């Protein structure tokens, strides 16, 4: 949990390039090689994606003049969290809403032997739905489903049947996102 809170203290900064109102410079601190940066619209369509190449501070100049007027967001997909930074393209400018920046902490799923360990932090008590599927030789069967509400910290241990060998797929739905993990037993 301490690691999650340390990521939450990261800062983002944006500035407008002089004379060009639809061009911005994005600066993100504490990024790692391999993390993903997206520009998405609010229907979830990916308009831009980039795999970050270096650790440290990321700086890039974005010309957003080709985007239609509307609401969008930058999304930085990190190891344990997703940082969402909304912005709006208007007729003569781009407005970044850094005060509305949000963090979505990814659910952590680990397994040991026949046990599945799930933990998740939500700063705003978002509901969490867990579905566990068993994928046998010819079929996929829902073997467990649970919805957890009104908790900012979720910690669960699920015991899988040791006799039922195969693949198990854990689907976690929270904060409008779907996270999937596959475990072989």
N, C-alpha and C. Protein backbone atom coordinates (compact mmCIF):
# COMPACT_ATOMS: atom_id res chain seq x y z
N UNK A 1 0.82 -1.19 0.00
CA UNK A 1 0.00 0.00 0.00
C UNK A 1 0.87 1.27 0.00
N UNK A 2 2.00 1.21 0.69
CA UNK A 2 2.88 2.37 0.74
C UNK A 2 3.36 2.71 -0.67
N UNK A 3 3.66 1.70 -1.47
CA UNK A 3 4.10 1.93 -2.84
C UNK A 3 3.02 2.64 -3.62
N UNK A 4 1.76 2.23 -3.46
CA UNK A 4 0.66 2.86 -4.18
C UNK A 4 0.55 4.34 -3.82
N UNK A 5 0.66 4.67 -2.52
CA UNK A 5 0.54 6.05 -2.11
C UNK A 5 1.72 6.88 -2.59
N UNK A 6 2.90 6.29 -2.71
CA UNK A 6 4.04 7.05 -3.22
C UNK A 6 3.84 7.41 -4.68
N UNK A 7 3.21 6.53 -5.46
CA UNK A 7 2.91 6.86 -6.85
C UNK A 7 1.90 8.00 -6.93
N UNK A 8 1.00 8.06 -5.96
CA UNK A 8 -0.06 9.07 -5.98
C UNK A 8 0.50 10.47 -5.81
N UNK A 9 1.71 10.63 -5.31
CA UNK A 9 2.27 11.95 -5.07
C UNK A 9 2.97 12.52 -6.30
N UNK A 10 2.98 11.80 -7.40
CA UNK A 10 3.64 12.26 -8.61
C UNK A 10 2.93 13.48 -9.16
N UNK A 11 3.68 14.30 -9.89
CA UNK A 11 3.09 15.51 -10.45
C UNK A 11 3.11 15.45 -11.96
N UNK A 12 2.18 16.16 -12.55
CA UNK A 12 2.13 16.32 -13.98
C UNK A 12 2.12 17.81 -14.25
N UNK A 13 2.76 18.24 -15.31
CA UNK A 13 2.69 19.66 -15.64
C UNK A 13 2.46 19.80 -17.13
N UNK A 14 1.80 20.87 -17.47
CA UNK A 14 1.47 21.14 -18.85
C UNK A 14 1.73 22.62 -19.11
N UNK A 15 2.10 22.95 -20.30
CA UNK A 15 2.25 24.35 -20.67
C UNK A 15 1.86 24.51 -22.13
N UNK A 16 1.48 25.72 -22.49
CA UNK A 16 1.14 26.01 -23.88
C UNK A 16 2.34 26.65 -24.55
N UNK A 17 2.61 26.24 -25.76
CA UNK A 17 3.70 26.82 -26.52
C UNK A 17 3.26 28.21 -26.98
N UNK A 18 4.15 29.16 -26.88
CA UNK A 18 3.81 30.54 -27.24
C UNK A 18 3.31 30.64 -28.67
N UNK A 19 2.20 31.35 -28.85
CA UNK A 19 1.67 31.63 -30.16
C UNK A 19 0.81 30.53 -30.77
N UNK A 20 0.88 29.32 -30.29
CA UNK A 20 0.09 28.22 -30.83
C UNK A 20 -0.79 27.70 -29.70
N UNK A 21 -2.07 27.96 -29.77
CA UNK A 21 -2.94 27.66 -28.65
C UNK A 21 -3.40 26.21 -28.59
N UNK A 22 -3.23 25.46 -29.67
CA UNK A 22 -3.64 24.05 -29.66
C UNK A 22 -2.44 23.11 -29.58
N UNK A 23 -1.30 23.65 -29.18
CA UNK A 23 -0.10 22.85 -28.97
C UNK A 23 0.25 22.92 -27.49
N UNK A 24 0.47 21.78 -26.88
CA UNK A 24 0.84 21.76 -25.46
C UNK A 24 2.07 20.89 -25.28
N UNK A 25 2.77 21.14 -24.20
CA UNK A 25 3.89 20.30 -23.81
C UNK A 25 3.44 19.54 -22.58
N UNK A 26 3.50 18.23 -22.65
CA UNK A 26 3.13 17.41 -21.50
C UNK A 26 4.41 16.95 -20.82
N UNK A 27 4.41 17.02 -19.50
CA UNK A 27 5.55 16.59 -18.70
C UNK A 27 5.04 15.69 -17.59
N UNK A 28 5.55 14.47 -17.55
CA UNK A 28 5.14 13.49 -16.54
C UNK A 28 6.38 13.01 -15.79
N UNK A 29 6.32 13.06 -14.47
CA UNK A 29 7.45 12.64 -13.65
C UNK A 29 7.35 11.16 -13.29
N UNK A 30 8.50 10.58 -12.99
CA UNK A 30 8.60 9.20 -12.49
C UNK A 30 7.97 8.17 -13.41
N UNK A 31 8.25 8.28 -14.70
CA UNK A 31 7.77 7.26 -15.64
C UNK A 31 8.84 6.20 -15.79
N UNK A 32 8.43 5.03 -16.27
CA UNK A 32 9.36 3.93 -16.49
C UNK A 32 9.27 3.46 -17.93
N UNK A 33 10.38 2.95 -18.42
CA UNK A 33 10.42 2.38 -19.76
C UNK A 33 9.36 1.28 -19.87
N UNK A 34 8.62 1.29 -20.96
CA UNK A 34 7.60 0.27 -21.19
C UNK A 34 6.19 0.69 -20.79
N UNK A 35 6.07 1.76 -20.00
CA UNK A 35 4.72 2.23 -19.66
C UNK A 35 4.06 2.81 -20.90
N UNK A 36 2.74 2.88 -20.88
CA UNK A 36 1.98 3.29 -22.06
C UNK A 36 1.29 4.63 -21.84
N UNK A 37 1.37 5.49 -22.84
CA UNK A 37 0.66 6.77 -22.81
C UNK A 37 -0.35 6.76 -23.95
N UNK A 38 -1.58 7.14 -23.62
CA UNK A 38 -2.66 7.17 -24.61
C UNK A 38 -3.30 8.55 -24.63
N UNK A 39 -3.91 8.88 -25.75
CA UNK A 39 -4.93 9.93 -25.82
C UNK A 39 -6.19 9.22 -26.25
N UNK A 40 -7.26 9.41 -25.45
CA UNK A 40 -8.53 8.73 -25.73
C UNK A 40 -9.67 9.73 -25.70
N UNK A 41 -10.74 9.38 -26.42
CA UNK A 41 -11.97 10.16 -26.26
C UNK A 41 -12.82 9.46 -25.20
N UNK A 42 -13.93 10.09 -24.84
CA UNK A 42 -14.72 9.54 -23.73
C UNK A 42 -15.56 8.32 -24.09
N UNK A 43 -15.51 7.89 -25.33
CA UNK A 43 -16.13 6.61 -25.66
C UNK A 43 -15.09 5.49 -25.59
N UNK A 44 -13.85 5.84 -25.22
CA UNK A 44 -12.79 4.85 -25.04
C UNK A 44 -11.96 4.59 -26.28
N UNK A 45 -12.21 5.32 -27.35
CA UNK A 45 -11.45 5.14 -28.59
C UNK A 45 -10.03 5.70 -28.40
N UNK A 46 -9.04 4.88 -28.73
CA UNK A 46 -7.64 5.30 -28.62
C UNK A 46 -7.28 6.10 -29.87
N UNK A 47 -6.89 7.37 -29.67
CA UNK A 47 -6.53 8.25 -30.77
C UNK A 47 -5.02 8.33 -30.95
N UNK A 48 -4.29 8.02 -29.90
CA UNK A 48 -2.83 8.06 -29.93
C UNK A 48 -2.32 7.11 -28.86
N UNK A 49 -1.24 6.39 -29.15
CA UNK A 49 -0.60 5.58 -28.12
C UNK A 49 0.90 5.58 -28.34
N UNK A 50 1.61 5.44 -27.24
CA UNK A 50 3.07 5.46 -27.28
C UNK A 50 3.60 4.62 -26.14
N UNK A 51 4.62 3.83 -26.42
CA UNK A 51 5.33 3.09 -25.39
C UNK A 51 6.50 3.97 -24.96
N UNK A 52 6.57 4.29 -23.67
CA UNK A 52 7.63 5.17 -23.19
C UNK A 52 8.97 4.44 -23.24
N UNK A 53 9.98 5.15 -23.67
CA UNK A 53 11.27 4.53 -23.93
C UNK A 53 12.30 4.73 -22.83
N UNK A 54 12.10 5.69 -21.92
CA UNK A 54 13.10 5.97 -20.90
C UNK A 54 12.46 6.13 -19.52
N UNK A 55 13.25 5.87 -18.50
CA UNK A 55 12.85 6.13 -17.11
C UNK A 55 13.09 7.61 -16.81
N UNK A 56 12.32 8.14 -15.85
CA UNK A 56 12.55 9.51 -15.40
C UNK A 56 11.39 10.42 -15.73
N UNK A 57 11.70 11.58 -16.32
CA UNK A 57 10.68 12.56 -16.68
C UNK A 57 10.42 12.48 -18.17
N UNK A 58 9.14 12.45 -18.53
CA UNK A 58 8.71 12.40 -19.93
C UNK A 58 8.24 13.79 -20.33
N UNK A 59 8.78 14.33 -21.40
CA UNK A 59 8.37 15.62 -21.95
C UNK A 59 8.10 15.45 -23.43
N UNK A 60 6.95 15.95 -23.87
CA UNK A 60 6.65 15.87 -25.31
C UNK A 60 5.70 17.00 -25.69
N UNK A 61 5.92 17.51 -26.87
CA UNK A 61 5.10 18.56 -27.45
C UNK A 61 3.98 17.89 -28.27
N UNK A 62 2.73 18.18 -27.94
CA UNK A 62 1.58 17.61 -28.66
C UNK A 62 0.84 18.72 -29.40
N UNK A 63 0.69 18.58 -30.71
CA UNK A 63 -0.14 19.47 -31.50
C UNK A 63 -1.50 18.80 -31.61
N UNK A 64 -2.50 19.36 -30.95
CA UNK A 64 -3.83 18.75 -30.89
C UNK A 64 -4.82 19.44 -31.83
N UNK A 65 -4.32 20.23 -32.77
CA UNK A 65 -5.21 20.98 -33.67
C UNK A 65 -6.01 20.08 -34.61
N UNK A 66 -5.57 18.86 -34.84
CA UNK A 66 -6.30 17.95 -35.74
C UNK A 66 -7.49 17.28 -35.05
N UNK A 67 -7.55 17.37 -33.72
CA UNK A 67 -8.67 16.75 -33.00
C UNK A 67 -9.94 17.58 -33.16
N UNK A 68 -11.08 16.92 -33.35
CA UNK A 68 -12.35 17.65 -33.37
C UNK A 68 -12.62 18.27 -32.00
N UNK A 69 -13.44 19.28 -31.96
CA UNK A 69 -13.82 19.90 -30.69
C UNK A 69 -14.44 18.84 -29.80
N UNK A 70 -14.07 18.85 -28.52
CA UNK A 70 -14.65 17.87 -27.61
C UNK A 70 -13.77 17.58 -26.42
N UNK A 71 -14.19 16.59 -25.64
CA UNK A 71 -13.52 16.19 -24.41
C UNK A 71 -12.69 14.94 -24.65
N UNK A 72 -11.48 14.94 -24.09
CA UNK A 72 -10.52 13.86 -24.26
C UNK A 72 -9.77 13.67 -22.95
N UNK A 73 -8.88 12.69 -22.94
CA UNK A 73 -7.99 12.56 -21.79
C UNK A 73 -6.70 11.85 -22.18
N UNK A 74 -5.65 12.25 -21.47
CA UNK A 74 -4.38 11.52 -21.52
C UNK A 74 -4.52 10.41 -20.50
N UNK A 75 -3.96 9.25 -20.80
CA UNK A 75 -3.99 8.13 -19.87
C UNK A 75 -2.59 7.54 -19.83
N UNK A 76 -1.99 7.54 -18.64
CA UNK A 76 -0.68 6.94 -18.44
C UNK A 76 -0.89 5.63 -17.71
N UNK A 77 -0.63 4.52 -18.41
CA UNK A 77 -0.84 3.18 -17.86
C UNK A 77 0.47 2.71 -17.26
N UNK A 78 0.49 2.67 -15.92
CA UNK A 78 1.70 2.29 -15.18
C UNK A 78 1.53 0.89 -14.62
N UNK A 79 2.53 0.42 -13.90
CA UNK A 79 2.50 -0.93 -13.34
C UNK A 79 1.31 -1.16 -12.42
N UNK A 80 1.10 -0.25 -11.49
CA UNK A 80 0.08 -0.46 -10.45
C UNK A 80 -1.08 0.51 -10.53
N UNK A 81 -1.03 1.46 -11.45
CA UNK A 81 -2.07 2.47 -11.51
C UNK A 81 -2.23 3.00 -12.92
N UNK A 82 -3.35 3.68 -13.12
CA UNK A 82 -3.62 4.37 -14.36
C UNK A 82 -3.91 5.82 -13.99
N UNK A 83 -3.14 6.73 -14.57
CA UNK A 83 -3.34 8.16 -14.32
C UNK A 83 -4.15 8.72 -15.48
N UNK A 84 -5.25 9.40 -15.17
CA UNK A 84 -6.15 9.95 -16.17
C UNK A 84 -6.16 11.48 -16.03
N UNK A 85 -5.83 12.17 -17.14
CA UNK A 85 -5.73 13.63 -17.13
C UNK A 85 -6.64 14.17 -18.24
N UNK A 86 -7.79 14.72 -17.85
CA UNK A 86 -8.74 15.19 -18.87
C UNK A 86 -8.31 16.52 -19.52
N UNK A 87 -8.72 16.68 -20.78
CA UNK A 87 -8.53 17.95 -21.47
C UNK A 87 -9.66 18.16 -22.46
N UNK A 88 -9.81 19.41 -22.88
CA UNK A 88 -10.89 19.78 -23.80
C UNK A 88 -10.30 20.56 -24.96
N UNK A 89 -10.69 20.18 -26.17
CA UNK A 89 -10.30 20.92 -27.37
C UNK A 89 -11.44 21.86 -27.71
N UNK A 90 -11.12 23.16 -27.70
CA UNK A 90 -12.10 24.18 -28.05
C UNK A 90 -11.69 24.82 -29.36
N UNK A 91 -12.47 25.77 -29.84
CA UNK A 91 -12.21 26.39 -31.14
C UNK A 91 -10.81 26.99 -31.21
N UNK A 92 -10.41 27.70 -30.18
CA UNK A 92 -9.15 28.43 -30.24
C UNK A 92 -8.11 28.01 -29.21
N UNK A 93 -8.38 26.92 -28.48
CA UNK A 93 -7.42 26.52 -27.45
C UNK A 93 -7.67 25.09 -26.98
N UNK A 94 -6.70 24.59 -26.24
CA UNK A 94 -6.84 23.31 -25.54
C UNK A 94 -6.73 23.61 -24.06
N UNK A 95 -7.69 23.12 -23.30
CA UNK A 95 -7.68 23.36 -21.86
C UNK A 95 -7.45 22.04 -21.13
N UNK A 96 -6.39 22.01 -20.31
CA UNK A 96 -6.05 20.83 -19.51
C UNK A 96 -6.64 21.01 -18.12
N UNK A 97 -7.27 19.97 -17.60
CA UNK A 97 -7.90 20.04 -16.28
C UNK A 97 -7.08 19.23 -15.27
N UNK A 98 -5.91 19.76 -14.90
CA UNK A 98 -5.02 19.04 -13.99
C UNK A 98 -5.65 18.84 -12.62
N UNK A 99 -6.54 19.74 -12.22
CA UNK A 99 -7.21 19.60 -10.92
C UNK A 99 -8.19 18.42 -10.91
N UNK A 100 -8.54 17.92 -12.09
CA UNK A 100 -9.45 16.78 -12.20
C UNK A 100 -8.71 15.48 -12.49
N UNK A 101 -7.36 15.52 -12.41
CA UNK A 101 -6.55 14.32 -12.63
C UNK A 101 -6.96 13.25 -11.62
N UNK A 102 -7.12 12.03 -12.09
CA UNK A 102 -7.51 10.93 -11.20
C UNK A 102 -6.54 9.76 -11.34
N UNK A 103 -6.49 8.97 -10.28
CA UNK A 103 -5.70 7.75 -10.27
C UNK A 103 -6.64 6.57 -10.10
N UNK A 104 -6.45 5.58 -10.92
CA UNK A 104 -7.17 4.33 -10.78
C UNK A 104 -6.12 3.28 -10.42
N UNK A 105 -6.24 2.73 -9.22
CA UNK A 105 -5.30 1.70 -8.80
C UNK A 105 -5.76 0.37 -9.36
N UNK A 106 -4.84 -0.30 -10.04
CA UNK A 106 -5.16 -1.58 -10.65
C UNK A 106 -5.30 -2.65 -9.56
N UNK A 107 -6.23 -3.58 -9.74
CA UNK A 107 -6.28 -4.71 -8.81
C UNK A 107 -5.04 -5.57 -8.99
N UNK A 108 -4.51 -6.03 -7.89
CA UNK A 108 -3.33 -6.90 -7.92
C UNK A 108 -3.80 -8.33 -7.72
N UNK A 109 -3.43 -9.20 -8.63
CA UNK A 109 -3.80 -10.61 -8.55
C UNK A 109 -2.52 -11.43 -8.58
N UNK A 110 -2.37 -12.26 -7.57
CA UNK A 110 -1.21 -13.17 -7.49
C UNK A 110 -1.74 -14.55 -7.15
N UNK A 111 -0.96 -15.57 -7.47
CA UNK A 111 -1.39 -16.93 -7.14
C UNK A 111 -0.22 -17.70 -6.55
N UNK A 112 -0.56 -18.62 -5.68
CA UNK A 112 0.41 -19.55 -5.11
C UNK A 112 -0.34 -20.85 -4.88
N UNK A 113 0.18 -21.90 -5.52
CA UNK A 113 -0.48 -23.21 -5.50
C UNK A 113 -1.91 -23.03 -5.97
N UNK A 114 -2.91 -23.39 -5.17
CA UNK A 114 -4.30 -23.27 -5.62
C UNK A 114 -5.00 -22.03 -5.05
N UNK A 115 -4.25 -21.10 -4.49
CA UNK A 115 -4.83 -19.88 -3.89
C UNK A 115 -4.61 -18.69 -4.83
N UNK A 116 -5.65 -17.87 -4.94
CA UNK A 116 -5.59 -16.63 -5.71
C UNK A 116 -5.76 -15.49 -4.72
N UNK A 117 -4.80 -14.56 -4.72
CA UNK A 117 -4.82 -13.41 -3.81
C UNK A 117 -5.16 -12.17 -4.62
N UNK A 118 -6.19 -11.46 -4.18
CA UNK A 118 -6.65 -10.25 -4.87
C UNK A 118 -6.64 -9.10 -3.89
N UNK A 119 -6.06 -7.98 -4.30
CA UNK A 119 -6.14 -6.75 -3.50
C UNK A 119 -6.35 -5.58 -4.44
N UNK A 120 -7.05 -4.57 -3.91
CA UNK A 120 -7.34 -3.39 -4.71
C UNK A 120 -7.59 -2.21 -3.78
N UNK A 121 -7.06 -1.04 -4.16
CA UNK A 121 -7.28 0.20 -3.44
C UNK A 121 -8.11 1.11 -4.33
N UNK A 122 -9.15 1.71 -3.76
CA UNK A 122 -9.96 2.69 -4.47
C UNK A 122 -10.15 3.89 -3.56
N UNK A 123 -9.69 5.04 -3.99
CA UNK A 123 -9.80 6.24 -3.15
C UNK A 123 -11.25 6.71 -3.00
N UNK A 124 -12.14 6.26 -3.86
CA UNK A 124 -13.54 6.71 -3.79
C UNK A 124 -14.52 5.55 -3.65
N UNK A 125 -14.09 4.44 -3.06
CA UNK A 125 -14.97 3.31 -2.73
C UNK A 125 -15.76 2.78 -3.93
N UNK A 126 -15.15 2.75 -5.08
CA UNK A 126 -15.84 2.23 -6.27
C UNK A 126 -16.13 0.74 -6.10
N UNK A 127 -17.27 0.28 -6.58
CA UNK A 127 -17.58 -1.16 -6.51
C UNK A 127 -16.60 -1.98 -7.34
N UNK A 128 -16.49 -3.23 -6.97
CA UNK A 128 -15.58 -4.16 -7.63
C UNK A 128 -16.34 -5.44 -7.88
N UNK A 129 -16.27 -5.96 -9.10
CA UNK A 129 -16.90 -7.24 -9.41
C UNK A 129 -15.82 -8.22 -9.84
N UNK A 130 -15.86 -9.42 -9.26
CA UNK A 130 -14.88 -10.46 -9.56
C UNK A 130 -15.63 -11.64 -10.16
N UNK A 131 -15.17 -12.09 -11.33
CA UNK A 131 -15.68 -13.31 -11.96
C UNK A 131 -14.49 -14.24 -12.17
N UNK A 132 -14.65 -15.49 -11.75
CA UNK A 132 -13.60 -16.49 -11.96
C UNK A 132 -14.16 -17.57 -12.88
N UNK A 133 -13.45 -17.80 -13.98
CA UNK A 133 -13.85 -18.79 -14.97
C UNK A 133 -12.84 -19.93 -14.98
N UNK A 134 -13.35 -21.14 -15.15
CA UNK A 134 -12.50 -22.30 -15.37
C UNK A 134 -12.57 -22.63 -16.85
N UNK A 135 -11.40 -22.74 -17.48
CA UNK A 135 -11.34 -23.07 -18.90
C UNK A 135 -10.83 -24.49 -19.04
N UNK A 136 -11.74 -25.40 -19.22
CA UNK A 136 -11.39 -26.81 -19.39
C UNK A 136 -10.99 -27.10 -20.82
N UNK A 137 -11.04 -28.37 -21.19
CA UNK A 137 -10.58 -28.77 -22.52
C UNK A 137 -11.46 -28.20 -23.63
N UNK A 138 -12.78 -28.13 -23.42
CA UNK A 138 -13.66 -27.66 -24.49
C UNK A 138 -14.59 -26.52 -24.09
N UNK A 139 -14.57 -26.13 -22.83
CA UNK A 139 -15.56 -25.14 -22.42
C UNK A 139 -14.98 -24.14 -21.43
N UNK A 140 -15.75 -23.08 -21.22
CA UNK A 140 -15.40 -22.03 -20.26
C UNK A 140 -16.59 -21.90 -19.34
N UNK A 141 -16.35 -22.04 -18.04
CA UNK A 141 -17.45 -22.08 -17.07
C UNK A 141 -17.21 -21.06 -15.97
N UNK A 142 -18.23 -20.24 -15.69
CA UNK A 142 -18.17 -19.31 -14.56
C UNK A 142 -18.30 -20.13 -13.28
N UNK A 143 -17.26 -20.11 -12.44
CA UNK A 143 -17.32 -20.91 -11.21
C UNK A 143 -17.51 -20.06 -9.96
N UNK A 144 -17.29 -18.73 -10.08
CA UNK A 144 -17.49 -17.86 -8.92
C UNK A 144 -17.71 -16.44 -9.40
N UNK A 145 -18.61 -15.72 -8.72
CA UNK A 145 -18.85 -14.31 -9.00
C UNK A 145 -19.16 -13.60 -7.71
N UNK A 146 -18.61 -12.41 -7.56
CA UNK A 146 -18.81 -11.64 -6.33
C UNK A 146 -18.76 -10.16 -6.67
N UNK A 147 -19.65 -9.37 -6.04
CA UNK A 147 -19.63 -7.92 -6.15
C UNK A 147 -19.36 -7.35 -4.77
N UNK A 148 -18.35 -6.48 -4.68
CA UNK A 148 -17.95 -5.89 -3.41
C UNK A 148 -18.19 -4.38 -3.51
N UNK A 149 -18.93 -3.84 -2.55
CA UNK A 149 -19.27 -2.42 -2.59
C UNK A 149 -18.86 -1.73 -1.30
N UNK A 150 -18.72 -0.40 -1.40
CA UNK A 150 -18.46 0.48 -0.26
C UNK A 150 -17.19 0.12 0.52
N UNK A 151 -16.14 -0.23 -0.19
CA UNK A 151 -14.85 -0.52 0.45
C UNK A 151 -13.75 0.15 -0.36
N UNK A 152 -12.88 0.87 0.32
CA UNK A 152 -11.76 1.44 -0.41
C UNK A 152 -10.59 0.47 -0.49
N UNK A 153 -10.51 -0.49 0.45
CA UNK A 153 -9.49 -1.53 0.39
C UNK A 153 -10.19 -2.88 0.31
N UNK A 154 -9.82 -3.65 -0.71
CA UNK A 154 -10.38 -4.99 -0.88
C UNK A 154 -9.22 -5.97 -0.83
N UNK A 155 -9.35 -6.97 0.02
CA UNK A 155 -8.36 -8.05 0.08
C UNK A 155 -9.13 -9.36 0.16
N UNK A 156 -8.87 -10.24 -0.80
CA UNK A 156 -9.57 -11.52 -0.86
C UNK A 156 -8.59 -12.64 -1.18
N UNK A 157 -8.92 -13.83 -0.69
CA UNK A 157 -8.20 -15.05 -1.05
C UNK A 157 -9.23 -16.03 -1.55
N UNK A 158 -9.02 -16.53 -2.75
CA UNK A 158 -9.91 -17.52 -3.35
C UNK A 158 -9.16 -18.83 -3.46
N UNK A 159 -9.79 -19.91 -3.00
CA UNK A 159 -9.18 -21.25 -3.10
C UNK A 159 -9.78 -21.98 -4.30
N UNK A 160 -8.91 -22.37 -5.21
CA UNK A 160 -9.34 -23.12 -6.39
C UNK A 160 -9.24 -24.61 -6.09
N UNK A 161 -10.07 -25.40 -6.76
CA UNK A 161 -10.08 -26.85 -6.57
C UNK A 161 -8.79 -27.46 -7.10
N UNK A 162 -8.00 -28.06 -6.21
CA UNK A 162 -6.71 -28.66 -6.59
C UNK A 162 -6.88 -29.77 -7.62
N UNK A 163 -8.02 -30.43 -7.61
CA UNK A 163 -8.24 -31.56 -8.52
C UNK A 163 -8.62 -31.11 -9.93
N UNK A 164 -9.06 -29.88 -10.06
CA UNK A 164 -9.52 -29.40 -11.37
C UNK A 164 -8.38 -28.61 -12.04
N UNK A 165 -7.53 -29.33 -12.76
CA UNK A 165 -6.38 -28.74 -13.45
C UNK A 165 -6.84 -28.03 -14.71
N UNK A 166 -6.13 -26.96 -15.03
CA UNK A 166 -6.44 -26.21 -16.25
C UNK A 166 -6.17 -24.74 -16.04
N UNK A 167 -6.76 -23.94 -16.91
CA UNK A 167 -6.59 -22.50 -16.83
C UNK A 167 -7.78 -21.87 -16.11
N UNK A 168 -7.49 -20.88 -15.29
CA UNK A 168 -8.51 -20.10 -14.61
C UNK A 168 -8.32 -18.65 -15.04
N UNK A 169 -9.41 -18.03 -15.37
CA UNK A 169 -9.37 -16.63 -15.80
C UNK A 169 -10.11 -15.80 -14.76
N UNK A 170 -9.40 -14.82 -14.19
CA UNK A 170 -9.99 -13.93 -13.19
C UNK A 170 -10.25 -12.60 -13.88
N UNK A 171 -11.50 -12.20 -13.92
CA UNK A 171 -11.92 -10.94 -14.53
C UNK A 171 -12.36 -10.01 -13.40
N UNK A 172 -11.73 -8.83 -13.33
CA UNK A 172 -12.07 -7.85 -12.30
C UNK A 172 -12.59 -6.60 -13.02
N UNK A 173 -13.80 -6.18 -12.65
CA UNK A 173 -14.41 -4.99 -13.23
C UNK A 173 -14.51 -3.93 -12.14
N UNK A 174 -13.94 -2.77 -12.39
CA UNK A 174 -14.02 -1.66 -11.44
C UNK A 174 -13.72 -0.35 -12.15
N UNK A 175 -14.34 0.70 -11.73
CA UNK A 175 -14.11 2.06 -12.22
C UNK A 175 -14.18 2.14 -13.74
N UNK A 176 -15.14 1.41 -14.32
CA UNK A 176 -15.34 1.42 -15.76
C UNK A 176 -14.27 0.69 -16.55
N UNK A 177 -13.46 -0.11 -15.87
CA UNK A 177 -12.36 -0.83 -16.51
C UNK A 177 -12.51 -2.32 -16.28
N UNK A 178 -11.92 -3.10 -17.17
CA UNK A 178 -11.88 -4.56 -17.02
C UNK A 178 -10.44 -5.00 -16.99
N UNK A 179 -10.08 -5.75 -15.96
CA UNK A 179 -8.74 -6.29 -15.80
C UNK A 179 -8.84 -7.81 -15.83
N UNK A 180 -7.93 -8.45 -16.57
CA UNK A 180 -8.00 -9.88 -16.76
C UNK A 180 -6.67 -10.52 -16.38
N UNK A 181 -6.73 -11.66 -15.67
CA UNK A 181 -5.55 -12.41 -15.27
C UNK A 181 -5.82 -13.89 -15.53
N UNK A 182 -4.83 -14.59 -16.08
CA UNK A 182 -4.96 -16.02 -16.32
C UNK A 182 -3.97 -16.76 -15.43
N UNK A 183 -4.47 -17.82 -14.79
CA UNK A 183 -3.66 -18.62 -13.88
C UNK A 183 -3.77 -20.08 -14.31
N UNK A 184 -2.62 -20.74 -14.39
CA UNK A 184 -2.61 -22.17 -14.72
C UNK A 184 -2.44 -22.96 -13.44
N UNK A 185 -3.28 -23.98 -13.27
CA UNK A 185 -3.21 -24.83 -12.08
C UNK A 185 -2.98 -26.27 -12.52
